Protein backbone atom coordinates (compact mmCIF):
# COMPACT_ATOMS: atom_id res chain seq x y z
CA MET A 1 0.16 0.16 -0.08
CA GLN A 2 1.29 3.60 -0.79
CA ASN A 3 1.21 5.51 2.65
CA ASP A 4 3.10 9.03 1.39
CA ILE A 5 0.82 10.34 -0.67
CA ALA A 6 -2.32 12.41 0.89
CA TYR A 7 -5.20 10.76 -1.21
CA HIS A 8 -8.25 12.43 -1.48
CA LEU A 9 -11.49 11.28 -3.46
CA ILE A 10 -13.35 13.39 -6.19
CA LEU A 11 -17.10 12.24 -6.79
CA ALA A 12 -17.91 12.45 -11.10
CA SER A 13 -21.44 12.85 -9.51
CA ALA A 14 -24.32 15.34 -8.80
CA SER A 15 -26.04 12.71 -6.63
CA PRO A 16 -26.46 13.96 -3.23
CA ALA A 17 -27.30 9.93 -1.85
CA ARG A 18 -23.75 8.96 -3.19
CA ARG A 19 -21.71 11.45 -1.77
CA ALA A 20 -23.66 11.11 1.69
CA LEU A 21 -22.99 7.50 1.29
CA LEU A 22 -19.45 8.51 1.25
CA ALA A 23 -19.63 10.83 3.97
CA ALA A 24 -20.92 8.29 6.19
CA ALA A 25 -18.43 5.95 5.75
CA GLY A 26 -15.52 8.24 6.81
CA ILE A 27 -15.01 10.09 3.19
CA ASP A 28 -15.43 13.83 2.26
CA ALA A 29 -15.19 13.74 -1.67
CA GLU A 30 -15.25 16.52 -3.83
CA VAL A 31 -17.96 16.90 -6.22
CA MET A 32 -17.51 17.77 -9.98
CA VAL A 33 -19.97 16.78 -12.02
CA SER A 34 -19.08 15.68 -15.21
CA GLY A 35 -21.92 17.39 -17.21
CA VAL A 36 -21.42 14.48 -20.14
CA ASP A 37 -24.15 13.35 -22.53
CA GLU A 38 -25.59 9.99 -21.53
CA SER A 39 -27.40 9.47 -24.40
CA VAL A 40 -24.26 9.15 -26.80
CA VAL A 41 -23.11 5.82 -24.81
CA GLU A 42 -24.81 2.71 -26.39
CA ALA A 43 -25.06 -0.75 -24.59
CA GLU A 44 -26.77 -3.94 -25.78
CA ASP A 45 -27.26 -4.46 -21.66
CA ALA A 46 -27.28 -2.83 -18.34
CA TYR A 47 -23.93 -4.01 -16.62
CA THR A 48 -22.23 -2.87 -19.80
CA LEU A 49 -24.07 0.44 -20.26
CA SER A 50 -23.75 1.57 -16.37
CA LEU A 51 -20.14 0.83 -16.71
CA GLY A 52 -19.44 2.58 -19.69
CA LEU A 53 -20.98 5.75 -18.53
CA ALA A 54 -19.27 5.51 -15.35
CA ARG A 55 -16.06 5.31 -17.01
CA MET A 56 -16.80 8.34 -19.52
CA LYS A 57 -17.96 10.68 -16.13
CA ALA A 58 -14.58 9.70 -14.40
CA ARG A 59 -12.56 10.06 -17.54
CA THR A 60 -14.47 13.29 -18.39
CA VAL A 61 -13.78 15.01 -14.80
CA ALA A 62 -10.01 14.14 -14.57
CA ALA A 63 -9.36 15.45 -18.04
CA ASP A 64 -10.30 18.92 -16.83
CA LEU A 65 -8.01 18.76 -13.32
CA ALA A 66 -4.40 19.79 -12.84
CA ALA A 67 -2.15 17.43 -12.10
CA ASP A 68 -2.64 16.22 -8.53
CA PRO A 69 -1.03 12.95 -7.28
CA GLY A 70 -3.34 12.57 -4.24
CA ALA A 71 -6.52 12.81 -6.25
CA LEU A 72 -8.67 9.72 -7.24
CA VAL A 73 -11.66 10.36 -9.27
CA LEU A 74 -14.89 8.09 -8.76
CA GLY A 75 -17.52 7.83 -11.52
CA CYS A 76 -20.42 5.97 -10.74
CA ASP A 77 -23.78 5.36 -12.99
CA SER A 78 -26.97 3.02 -11.94
CA VAL A 79 -28.86 1.28 -14.23
CA LEU A 80 -31.91 -1.61 -13.39
CA ALA A 81 -32.60 -4.65 -15.69
CA PHE A 82 -35.72 -5.39 -16.22
CA GLU A 83 -37.10 -8.68 -17.87
CA GLY A 84 -34.98 -7.52 -21.06
CA GLU A 85 -34.85 -3.81 -21.09
CA ILE A 86 -32.58 -1.30 -19.73
CA PHE A 87 -34.17 1.50 -17.16
CA GLY A 88 -31.97 4.67 -16.66
CA LYS A 89 -33.68 7.48 -15.25
CA PRO A 90 -37.16 7.96 -17.01
CA ALA A 91 -37.84 11.08 -19.38
CA ASN A 92 -41.13 11.88 -17.47
CA ALA A 93 -43.94 11.15 -14.88
CA GLU A 94 -45.69 9.15 -17.72
CA GLU A 95 -43.07 6.61 -18.39
CA SER A 96 -42.12 6.50 -14.52
CA VAL A 97 -45.70 5.41 -13.68
CA LYS A 98 -45.50 2.73 -16.43
CA ARG A 99 -42.40 1.34 -15.20
CA TRP A 100 -43.62 1.15 -11.86
CA MET A 101 -46.90 -0.75 -13.15
CA MET A 102 -44.94 -3.46 -15.38
CA MET A 103 -42.16 -3.63 -11.82
CA ARG A 104 -45.06 -3.49 -9.11
CA GLY A 105 -44.90 -7.67 -7.79
CA ARG A 106 -41.64 -8.48 -9.99
CA SER A 107 -38.17 -8.62 -9.49
CA GLY A 108 -35.31 -6.71 -11.63
CA VAL A 109 -31.23 -6.08 -11.20
CA LEU A 110 -29.56 -2.86 -10.85
CA HIS A 111 -26.31 -2.26 -11.76
CA THR A 112 -24.17 0.14 -10.54
CA GLY A 113 -20.78 0.98 -12.41
CA HIS A 114 -17.68 2.19 -10.74
CA HIS A 115 -14.67 3.16 -12.21
CA LEU A 116 -11.66 4.66 -10.12
CA THR A 117 -8.82 6.69 -12.15
CA GLY A 118 -5.57 8.15 -10.25
CA LEU A 119 -4.82 11.70 -12.05
CA VAL A 120 -1.28 11.37 -11.89
CA SER A 121 -0.62 7.72 -11.19
CA GLY A 122 -2.71 6.85 -14.86
CA LYS A 123 -3.77 3.73 -12.50
CA GLN A 124 -7.55 2.71 -13.69
CA ALA A 125 -9.56 0.17 -11.50
CA GLU A 126 -13.48 -0.44 -12.37
CA GLY A 127 -16.16 -2.83 -11.62
CA VAL A 128 -20.36 -3.20 -11.75
CA GLY A 129 -22.09 -3.90 -8.22
CA THR A 130 -24.97 -6.29 -9.00
CA THR A 131 -28.06 -6.33 -6.33
CA VAL A 132 -31.39 -7.91 -6.89
CA VAL A 133 -34.34 -5.89 -5.82
CA HIS A 134 -38.04 -7.24 -5.18
CA PHE A 135 -40.78 -4.87 -5.81
CA ALA A 136 -43.55 -4.92 -3.57
CA ASP A 137 -46.97 -5.05 -5.55
CA VAL A 138 -48.11 -1.69 -5.11
CA THR A 139 -51.20 0.01 -5.84
CA ASP A 140 -52.11 2.29 -8.61
CA GLU A 141 -52.74 4.85 -6.06
CA GLU A 142 -49.36 4.12 -4.11
CA ILE A 143 -47.82 4.59 -7.55
CA ALA A 144 -49.66 7.64 -8.44
CA ALA A 145 -48.65 8.95 -5.42
CA TYR A 146 -45.25 8.04 -5.42
CA VAL A 147 -44.49 9.47 -8.74
CA GLY A 148 -46.76 12.80 -8.06
CA THR A 149 -43.60 13.34 -5.54
CA GLY A 150 -40.90 13.61 -8.02
CA GLU A 151 -38.39 11.38 -6.37
CA PRO A 152 -38.76 8.20 -8.59
CA LEU A 153 -38.14 11.22 -12.05
CA ASN A 154 -34.29 11.38 -10.98
CA VAL A 155 -33.22 7.81 -10.16
CA ALA A 156 -32.63 4.99 -12.19
CA GLY A 157 -34.96 2.60 -12.60
CA SER A 158 -38.17 5.15 -10.94
CA PHE A 159 -37.30 4.24 -7.40
CA THR A 160 -35.21 4.99 -4.49
CA LEU A 161 -33.86 2.83 -1.54
CA ASP A 162 -33.40 5.62 1.08
CA GLY A 163 -36.64 7.62 0.27
CA ARG A 164 -39.86 7.11 0.16
CA GLY A 165 -39.46 4.60 -2.73
CA GLY A 166 -37.73 2.33 0.08
CA ALA A 167 -41.36 1.08 1.67
CA PHE A 168 -42.40 -0.20 -1.88
CA VAL A 169 -39.43 -2.80 -1.75
CA ASP A 170 -39.99 -5.93 -0.09
CA ARG A 171 -36.25 -6.95 -0.02
CA ILE A 172 -32.81 -7.07 -2.25
CA GLU A 173 -30.10 -9.56 -2.22
CA GLY A 174 -27.15 -7.93 -2.28
CA ASP A 175 -25.51 -4.46 -1.34
CA PRO A 176 -28.04 -1.91 -0.59
CA GLY A 177 -25.62 0.88 -0.88
CA ASN A 178 -25.43 -0.57 -4.25
CA VAL A 179 -29.07 0.59 -5.00
CA ILE A 180 -28.63 3.99 -3.51
CA GLY A 181 -26.04 4.42 -5.76
CA LEU A 182 -22.38 3.44 -4.71
CA SER A 183 -21.05 -0.01 -3.52
CA LEU A 184 -18.30 0.52 -0.87
CA PRO A 185 -16.81 -2.83 -0.28
CA LEU A 186 -16.53 -2.65 -4.21
CA LEU A 187 -14.99 0.36 -3.80
CA ARG A 188 -12.64 -0.77 -1.09
CA ASN A 189 -11.81 -2.89 -3.80
CA LEU A 190 -11.17 -1.16 -6.76
CA LEU A 191 -8.83 1.39 -4.24
CA ALA A 192 -6.73 -2.04 -3.18
CA GLU A 193 -6.54 -3.02 -7.08
CA MET A 194 -4.39 0.94 -7.13
CA ASP A 195 -2.46 -0.36 -3.98
CA ILE A 196 -4.46 2.05 -1.78
CA SER A 197 -6.46 1.37 1.14
CA ILE A 198 -9.59 3.10 1.86
CA THR A 199 -8.18 3.81 5.35
CA GLN A 200 -6.15 6.56 3.63
CA LEU A 201 -9.27 8.28 2.54
CA TRP A 202 -11.13 8.79 5.68
CA ARG A 203 -11.25 11.93 6.98
CA LYS A 204 -8.58 13.03 9.65
CA SER A 205 -10.53 13.75 12.77
CA ASP A 206 -12.23 10.25 12.67
CA GLU A 207 -8.81 8.69 13.01
CA ALA A 208 -7.81 10.90 16.13
CA GLY A 209 -11.10 10.06 17.83
């Protein structure tokens, strides 16, 4: 492990949920939104698409930064695979309602791509977290009320686990953080591939306490 460099994480995502997950784990990430056009990335399956989007976000942000040996750029993107279809963020409320009508009482697979880039070292590591999501058999009224809150319009698959949508998920198989948008165990493994311990990213006040 490299112990002589002060590493810090730059999150190439506007997701407050991802930043909150990192903060709860003792990692204060700087946020830099990539601004990439996600529609230009095409893939035949959700797994490949999630990784391609995560890679593009991380590399786009990294390309705009000045040389910093301690900077690590993390790109993440989540996509739901549901019965052969790929569900990213819904285009509008109508599409969100349509998806929930299909998903209720059934299951999907949430893929979150992670791509980590060392700004100066050039080292890269990437992987996909996969979690099976079993949706509750919600009513038409519940779907309408949920979509009316606006929450499902901003997230892959039209649902969240850490908000109102958590009540509409019966159970999951896998890492719950991955569904929220970032898998901490996977991040730890990707850092290890780059010879970095996740403890090197912990805020100093936590270590002192």
